[in-house]
Amino acid sequence: MNFEFTKRLSTIKAYRNARDEFSEMVLQDKALLPEVFAMAVNIDDENHHKACWILELIFEVKIEWLQEFLDEFCKTLPKYRDSSAIRTISKVCLFAVQENEKNTSFLDSKHIQVITEACFDWLINPDEKVAAKAYAMRALYILGKKQDWIYPELKHILPQNAGEHTAAYKAAAKYVLQHITKQENRKG
């Protein structure tokens, strides 16, 4: 274990250049990934959100690296409470379902179920930030291509919640609803 690395990680600020520096270190040395991942899923660690920031940037480039951690990742998904962690983890969920759309063996049915539930939880939580909701609705849109029950739920939830949210939420919801309609027209 590289204690100096994790100690430095726990002190970083949200500045993009600092996050880029740490993600680049891991992308250059995959042996650091288990340490970042362990910190990110330890929700009792007051700095776990910082490790989540780094995971987002790593998995944006190398989503295949998540596969060996999927069980632990999914086990932790419903436990996240820090909004900064949820924003980045919801984006990782989006990356995972996008990868699964190309490579259908990336996620198994259990992973899909947990990710789907977490995304719906973030979407309907009135206290959740807009960015997490936007990533969640986009992930659910992709998952809905294979799971028929998701689109009717999204078509019910998104317009219902739009009045309570920002212009960014409304724009994301409109985008997803338009794509659901296009997807349904292709099927029907």
C-alpha atoms as a PDB file:
ATOM      1  CA  MET A   1       0.000   0.000   0.000  1.00  0.00           C
ATOM      2  CA  ASN A   2       1.250   3.451  -0.917  1.00  0.00           C
ATOM      3  CA  PHE A   3       0.473   5.510   2.204  1.00  0.00           C
ATOM      4  CA  GLU A   4       2.030   8.663   0.759  1.00  0.00           C
ATOM      5  CA  PHE A   5      -0.307   8.453  -2.244  1.00  0.00           C
ATOM      6  CA  THR A   6      -3.471   7.998  -0.153  1.00  0.00           C
ATOM      7  CA  LYS A   7      -2.350  10.679   2.297  1.00  0.00           C
ATOM      8  CA  ARG A   8      -1.881  13.148  -0.576  1.00  0.00           C
ATOM      9  CA  LEU A   9      -5.203  12.081  -2.087  1.00  0.00           C
ATOM     10  CA  SER A  10      -7.022  12.871   1.146  1.00  0.00           C
ATOM     11  CA  THR A  11      -5.734  16.467   1.040  1.00  0.00           C
ATOM     12  CA  ILE A  12      -6.582  17.433  -2.545  1.00  0.00           C
ATOM     13  CA  LYS A  13      -9.050  20.154  -3.425  1.00  0.00           C
ATOM     14  CA  ALA A  14     -11.682  19.928  -6.134  1.00  0.00           C
ATOM     15  CA  TYR A  15      -9.566  21.822  -8.666  1.00  0.00           C
ATOM     16  CA  ARG A  16      -9.575  20.050 -12.001  1.00  0.00           C
ATOM     17  CA  ASN A  17      -5.788  20.136 -12.361  1.00  0.00           C
ATOM     18  CA  ALA A  18      -5.362  18.325  -9.017  1.00  0.00           C
ATOM     19  CA  ARG A  19      -7.927  15.699  -9.980  1.00  0.00           C
ATOM     20  CA  ASP A  20      -6.254  15.294 -13.374  1.00  0.00           C
ATOM     21  CA  GLU A  21      -2.862  14.848 -11.717  1.00  0.00           C
ATOM     22  CA  PHE A  22      -4.100  12.042  -9.490  1.00  0.00           C
ATOM     23  CA  SER A  23      -6.076  10.288 -12.206  1.00  0.00           C
ATOM     24  CA  GLU A  24      -3.058  10.454 -14.497  1.00  0.00           C
ATOM     25  CA  MET A  25      -0.864   8.879 -11.795  1.00  0.00           C
ATOM     26  CA  VAL A  26      -3.293   5.952 -11.594  1.00  0.00           C
ATOM     27  CA  LEU A  27      -3.653   5.679 -15.364  1.00  0.00           C
ATOM     28  CA  GLN A  28       0.143   5.443 -15.526  1.00  0.00           C
ATOM     29  CA  ASP A  29       0.330   2.947 -12.624  1.00  0.00           C
ATOM     30  CA  LYS A  30      -2.743   0.708 -12.380  1.00  0.00           C
ATOM     31  CA  ALA A  31      -1.348  -0.728  -9.127  1.00  0.00           C
ATOM     32  CA  LEU A  32      -2.654   2.456  -7.442  1.00  0.00           C
ATOM     33  CA  LEU A  33      -6.249   1.763  -8.512  1.00  0.00           C
ATOM     34  CA  PRO A  34      -7.112  -0.626  -5.656  1.00  0.00           C
ATOM     35  CA  GLU A  35      -6.071   2.057  -3.144  1.00  0.00           C
ATOM     36  CA  VAL A  36      -8.209   4.745  -4.763  1.00  0.00           C
ATOM     37  CA  PHE A  37     -11.099   2.324  -5.084  1.00  0.00           C
ATOM     38  CA  ALA A  38     -10.834   1.180  -1.449  1.00  0.00           C
ATOM     39  CA  MET A  39     -10.919   4.797  -0.289  1.00  0.00           C
ATOM     40  CA  ALA A  40     -13.901   5.586  -2.557  1.00  0.00           C
ATOM     41  CA  VAL A  41     -16.053   2.731  -1.248  1.00  0.00           C
ATOM     42  CA  ASN A  42     -15.163   3.398   2.390  1.00  0.00           C
ATOM     43  CA  ILE A  43     -18.019   5.803   3.035  1.00  0.00           C
ATOM     44  CA  ASP A  44     -16.886   6.173   6.639  1.00  0.00           C
ATOM     45  CA  ASP A  45     -13.724   7.882   5.375  1.00  0.00           C
ATOM     46  CA  GLU A  46     -14.421  11.615   5.426  1.00  0.00           C
ATOM     47  CA  ASN A  47     -12.422  11.949   2.197  1.00  0.00           C
ATOM     48  CA  HIS A  48     -14.053   9.128   0.224  1.00  0.00           C
ATOM     49  CA  HIS A  49     -15.624  11.688  -2.115  1.00  0.00           C
ATOM     50  CA  LYS A  50     -12.141  12.779  -3.196  1.00  0.00           C
ATOM     51  CA  ALA A  51     -11.313   9.244  -4.276  1.00  0.00           C
ATOM     52  CA  CYS A  52     -14.649   9.167  -6.131  1.00  0.00           C
ATOM     53  CA  TRP A  53     -13.553  12.253  -8.074  1.00  0.00           C
ATOM     54  CA  ILE A  54     -10.468  10.377  -9.211  1.00  0.00           C
ATOM     55  CA  LEU A  55     -12.394   7.212 -10.099  1.00  0.00           C
ATOM     56  CA  GLU A  56     -14.675   9.229 -12.360  1.00  0.00           C
ATOM     57  CA  LEU A  57     -11.710  10.492 -14.389  1.00  0.00           C
ATOM     58  CA  ILE A  58     -10.032   7.078 -14.481  1.00  0.00           C
ATOM     59  CA  PHE A  59     -13.155   5.205 -15.555  1.00  0.00           C
ATOM     60  CA  GLU A  60     -13.978   7.838 -18.155  1.00  0.00           C
ATOM     61  CA  VAL A  61     -10.793   6.705 -19.912  1.00  0.00           C
ATOM     62  CA  LYS A  62     -10.567   3.064 -18.795  1.00  0.00           C
ATOM     63  CA  ILE A  63     -14.061   1.867 -17.889  1.00  0.00           C
ATOM     64  CA  GLU A  64     -12.899  -1.729 -18.378  1.00  0.00           C
ATOM     65  CA  TRP A  65     -10.829  -1.302 -15.193  1.00  0.00           C
ATOM     66  CA  LEU A  66     -14.072  -1.131 -13.209  1.00  0.00           C
ATOM     67  CA  GLN A  67     -15.045  -4.692 -14.102  1.00  0.00           C
ATOM     68  CA  GLU A  68     -12.909  -6.383 -11.439  1.00  0.00           C
ATOM     69  CA  PHE A  69     -14.452  -4.081  -8.795  1.00  0.00           C
ATOM     70  CA  LEU A  70     -18.098  -4.259  -9.909  1.00  0.00           C
ATOM     71  CA  ASP A  71     -19.362  -6.391  -7.022  1.00  0.00           C
ATOM     72  CA  GLU A  72     -17.915  -4.057  -4.392  1.00  0.00           C
ATOM     73  CA  PHE A  73     -18.932  -0.991  -6.398  1.00  0.00           C
ATOM     74  CA  CYS A  74     -22.546  -2.163  -6.589  1.00  0.00           C
ATOM     75  CA  LYS A  75     -22.578  -3.197  -2.940  1.00  0.00           C
ATOM     76  CA  THR A  76     -21.615   0.370  -1.994  1.00  0.00           C
ATOM     77  CA  LEU A  77     -23.908   2.258  -4.415  1.00  0.00           C
ATOM     78  CA  PRO A  78     -26.951   2.472  -2.126  1.00  0.00           C
ATOM     79  CA  LYS A  79     -24.804   3.621   0.792  1.00  0.00           C
ATOM     80  CA  TYR A  80     -23.431   6.848  -0.671  1.00  0.00           C
ATOM     81  CA  ARG A  81     -24.802   9.994   1.011  1.00  0.00           C
ATOM     82  CA  ASP A  82     -22.217  12.677   0.165  1.00  0.00           C
ATOM     83  CA  SER A  83     -23.541  14.678  -2.803  1.00  0.00           C
ATOM     84  CA  SER A  84     -20.047  15.165  -4.225  1.00  0.00           C
ATOM     85  CA  ALA A  85     -19.477  11.410  -4.205  1.00  0.00           C
ATOM     86  CA  ILE A  86     -22.911  10.681  -5.664  1.00  0.00           C
ATOM     87  CA  ARG A  87     -22.372  13.096  -8.557  1.00  0.00           C
ATOM     88  CA  THR A  88     -19.197  11.345  -9.620  1.00  0.00           C
ATOM     89  CA  ILE A  89     -20.450   7.836  -8.882  1.00  0.00           C
ATOM     90  CA  SER A  90     -23.624   8.480 -10.894  1.00  0.00           C
ATOM     91  CA  LYS A  91     -21.378   9.411 -13.807  1.00  0.00           C
ATOM     92  CA  VAL A  92     -19.417   6.169 -13.350  1.00  0.00           C
ATOM     93  CA  CYS A  93     -22.752   4.336 -13.494  1.00  0.00           C
ATOM     94  CA  LEU A  94     -23.455   6.081 -16.791  1.00  0.00           C
ATOM     95  CA  PHE A  95     -20.043   5.018 -18.131  1.00  0.00           C
ATOM     96  CA  ALA A  96     -20.739   1.432 -17.017  1.00  0.00           C
ATOM     97  CA  VAL A  97     -24.125   1.185 -18.735  1.00  0.00           C
ATOM     98  CA  GLN A  98     -22.693   2.819 -21.873  1.00  0.00           C
ATOM     99  CA  GLU A  99     -19.969   0.166 -21.893  1.00  0.00           C
ATOM    100  CA  ASN A 100     -22.543  -2.560 -21.302  1.00  0.00           C
ATOM    101  CA  GLU A 101     -24.508  -1.317 -24.295  1.00  0.00           C
ATOM    102  CA  LYS A 102     -21.428  -2.031 -26.468  1.00  0.00           C
ATOM    103  CA  ASN A 103     -20.219  -5.093 -24.541  1.00  0.00           C
ATOM    104  CA  THR A 104     -23.260  -6.833 -23.070  1.00  0.00           C
ATOM    105  CA  SER A 105     -21.140  -9.013 -20.812  1.00  0.00           C
ATOM    106  CA  PHE A 106     -19.678  -6.021 -18.942  1.00  0.00           C
ATOM    107  CA  LEU A 107     -22.492  -5.951 -16.343  1.00  0.00           C
ATOM    108  CA  ASP A 108     -24.366  -8.976 -15.088  1.00  0.00           C
ATOM    109  CA  SER A 109     -28.062  -8.878 -14.193  1.00  0.00           C
ATOM    110  CA  LYS A 110     -27.320  -8.219 -10.517  1.00  0.00           C
ATOM    111  CA  HIS A 111     -25.132  -5.222 -11.365  1.00  0.00           C
ATOM    112  CA  ILE A 112     -27.797  -3.876 -13.716  1.00  0.00           C
ATOM    113  CA  GLN A 113     -30.451  -4.218 -11.034  1.00  0.00           C
ATOM    114  CA  VAL A 114     -28.394  -2.375  -8.398  1.00  0.00           C
ATOM    115  CA  ILE A 115     -27.393   0.401 -10.793  1.00  0.00           C
ATOM    116  CA  THR A 116     -31.008   0.790 -11.924  1.00  0.00           C
ATOM    117  CA  GLU A 117     -32.245   1.050  -8.343  1.00  0.00           C
ATOM    118  CA  ALA A 118     -29.526   3.531  -7.370  1.00  0.00           C
ATOM    119  CA  CYS A 119     -30.253   5.705 -10.406  1.00  0.00           C
ATOM    120  CA  PHE A 120     -33.971   5.784  -9.629  1.00  0.00           C
ATOM    121  CA  ASP A 121     -33.201   6.599  -5.990  1.00  0.00           C
ATOM    122  CA  TRP A 122     -31.021   9.553  -7.019  1.00  0.00           C
ATOM    123  CA  LEU A 123     -33.590  10.681  -9.548  1.00  0.00           C
ATOM    124  CA  ILE A 124     -36.509  10.780  -7.111  1.00  0.00           C
ATOM    125  CA  ASN A 125     -34.561  12.117  -4.115  1.00  0.00           C
ATOM    126  CA  PRO A 126     -35.685  15.751  -3.781  1.00  0.00           C
ATOM    127  CA  ASP A 127     -32.408  16.665  -2.058  1.00  0.00           C
ATOM    128  CA  GLU A 128     -30.127  15.227  -4.733  1.00  0.00           C
ATOM    129  CA  LYS A 129     -28.169  17.616  -6.937  1.00  0.00           C
ATOM    130  CA  VAL A 130     -29.133  18.121 -10.586  1.00  0.00           C
ATOM    131  CA  ALA A 131     -25.912  16.688 -12.044  1.00  0.00           C
ATOM    132  CA  ALA A 132     -26.447  13.326 -10.333  1.00  0.00           C
ATOM    133  CA  LYS A 133     -30.054  13.274 -11.516  1.00  0.00           C
ATOM    134  CA  ALA A 134     -29.002  14.072 -15.092  1.00  0.00           C
ATOM    135  CA  TYR A 135     -26.437  11.249 -15.169  1.00  0.00           C
ATOM    136  CA  ALA A 136     -28.974   8.899 -13.566  1.00  0.00           C
ATOM    137  CA  MET A 137     -31.699   9.673 -16.104  1.00  0.00           C
ATOM    138  CA  ARG A 138     -29.267   9.182 -18.995  1.00  0.00           C
ATOM    139  CA  ALA A 139     -28.146   5.843 -17.554  1.00  0.00           C
ATOM    140  CA  LEU A 140     -31.771   4.799 -17.075  1.00  0.00           C
ATOM    141  CA  TYR A 141     -32.560   5.769 -20.653  1.00  0.00           C
ATOM    142  CA  ILE A 142     -29.865   3.346 -21.864  1.00  0.00           C
ATOM    143  CA  LEU A 143     -30.998   0.618 -19.466  1.00  0.00           C
ATOM    144  CA  GLY A 144     -34.582   1.134 -20.652  1.00  0.00           C
ATOM    145  CA  LYS A 145     -33.643  -0.038 -24.129  1.00  0.00           C
ATOM    146  CA  LYS A 146     -33.511  -3.574 -22.693  1.00  0.00           C
ATOM    147  CA  GLN A 147     -35.897  -3.279 -19.738  1.00  0.00           C
ATOM    148  CA  ASP A 148     -39.396  -2.364 -20.872  1.00  0.00           C
ATOM    149  CA  TRP A 149     -40.604  -1.157 -17.465  1.00  0.00           C
ATOM    150  CA  ILE A 150     -38.067   1.703 -17.191  1.00  0.00           C
ATOM    151  CA  TYR A 151     -39.431   4.045 -19.866  1.00  0.00           C
ATOM    152  CA  PRO A 152     -42.957   4.243 -18.415  1.00  0.00           C
ATOM    153  CA  GLU A 153     -41.425   5.109 -15.033  1.00  0.00           C
ATOM    154  CA  LEU A 154     -39.197   7.789 -16.552  1.00  0.00           C
ATOM    155  CA  LYS A 155     -42.098   9.229 -18.550  1.00  0.00           C
ATOM    156  CA  HIS A 156     -44.007   9.540 -15.280  1.00  0.00           C
ATOM    157  CA  ILE A 157     -41.184  10.841 -13.044  1.00  0.00           C
ATOM    158  CA  LEU A 158     -39.378  13.305 -15.310  1.00  0.00           C
ATOM    159  CA  PRO A 159     -42.266  15.653 -16.164  1.00  0.00           C
ATOM    160  CA  GLN A 160     -43.658  15.401 -12.642  1.00  0.00           C
ATOM    161  CA  ASN A 161     -40.376  16.573 -11.100  1.00  0.00           C
ATOM    162  CA  ALA A 162     -39.491  19.157 -13.763  1.00  0.00           C
ATOM    163  CA  GLY A 163     -41.416  21.981 -12.110  1.00  0.00           C
ATOM    164  CA  GLU A 164     -39.346  21.653  -8.950  1.00  0.00           C
ATOM    165  CA  HIS A 165     -35.954  21.804 -10.653  1.00  0.00           C
ATOM    166  CA  THR A 166     -33.560  24.056 -12.500  1.00  0.00           C
ATOM    167  CA  ALA A 167     -33.353  24.753 -16.204  1.00  0.00           C
ATOM    168  CA  ALA A 168     -30.501  22.218 -16.405  1.00  0.00           C
ATOM    169  CA  TYR A 169     -32.751  19.469 -15.026  1.00  0.00           C
ATOM    170  CA  LYS A 170     -35.562  20.456 -17.396  1.00  0.00           C
ATOM    171  CA  ALA A 171     -33.198  20.371 -20.368  1.00  0.00           C
ATOM    172  CA  ALA A 172     -31.843  16.936 -19.421  1.00  0.00           C
ATOM    173  CA  ALA A 173     -35.355  15.584 -18.815  1.00  0.00           C
ATOM    174  CA  LYS A 174     -36.570  16.974 -22.153  1.00  0.00           C
ATOM    175  CA  TYR A 175     -33.603  15.376 -23.936  1.00  0.00           C
ATOM    176  CA  VAL A 176     -34.244  11.974 -22.340  1.00  0.00           C
ATOM    177  CA  LEU A 177     -37.998  12.107 -22.962  1.00  0.00           C
ATOM    178  CA  GLN A 178     -37.427  12.984 -26.634  1.00  0.00           C
ATOM    179  CA  HIS A 179     -35.056  10.052 -26.996  1.00  0.00           C
ATOM    180  CA  ILE A 180     -37.507   7.708 -25.279  1.00  0.00           C
ATOM    181  CA  THR A 181     -40.151   8.744 -27.811  1.00  0.00           C
ATOM    182  CA  LYS A 182     -37.734   8.119 -30.696  1.00  0.00           C
ATOM    183  CA  GLN A 183     -36.786   4.737 -29.226  1.00  0.00           C
ATOM    184  CA  GLU A 184     -40.429   3.751 -28.795  1.00  0.00           C
ATOM    185  CA  ASN A 185     -41.249   4.854 -32.369  1.00  0.00           C
ATOM    186  CA  ARG A 186     -38.458   2.607 -33.678  1.00  0.00           C
ATOM    187  CA  LYS A 187     -39.893  -0.362 -31.794  1.00  0.00           C
ATOM    188  CA  GLY A 188     -43.513   0.329 -32.599  1.00  0.00           C
END
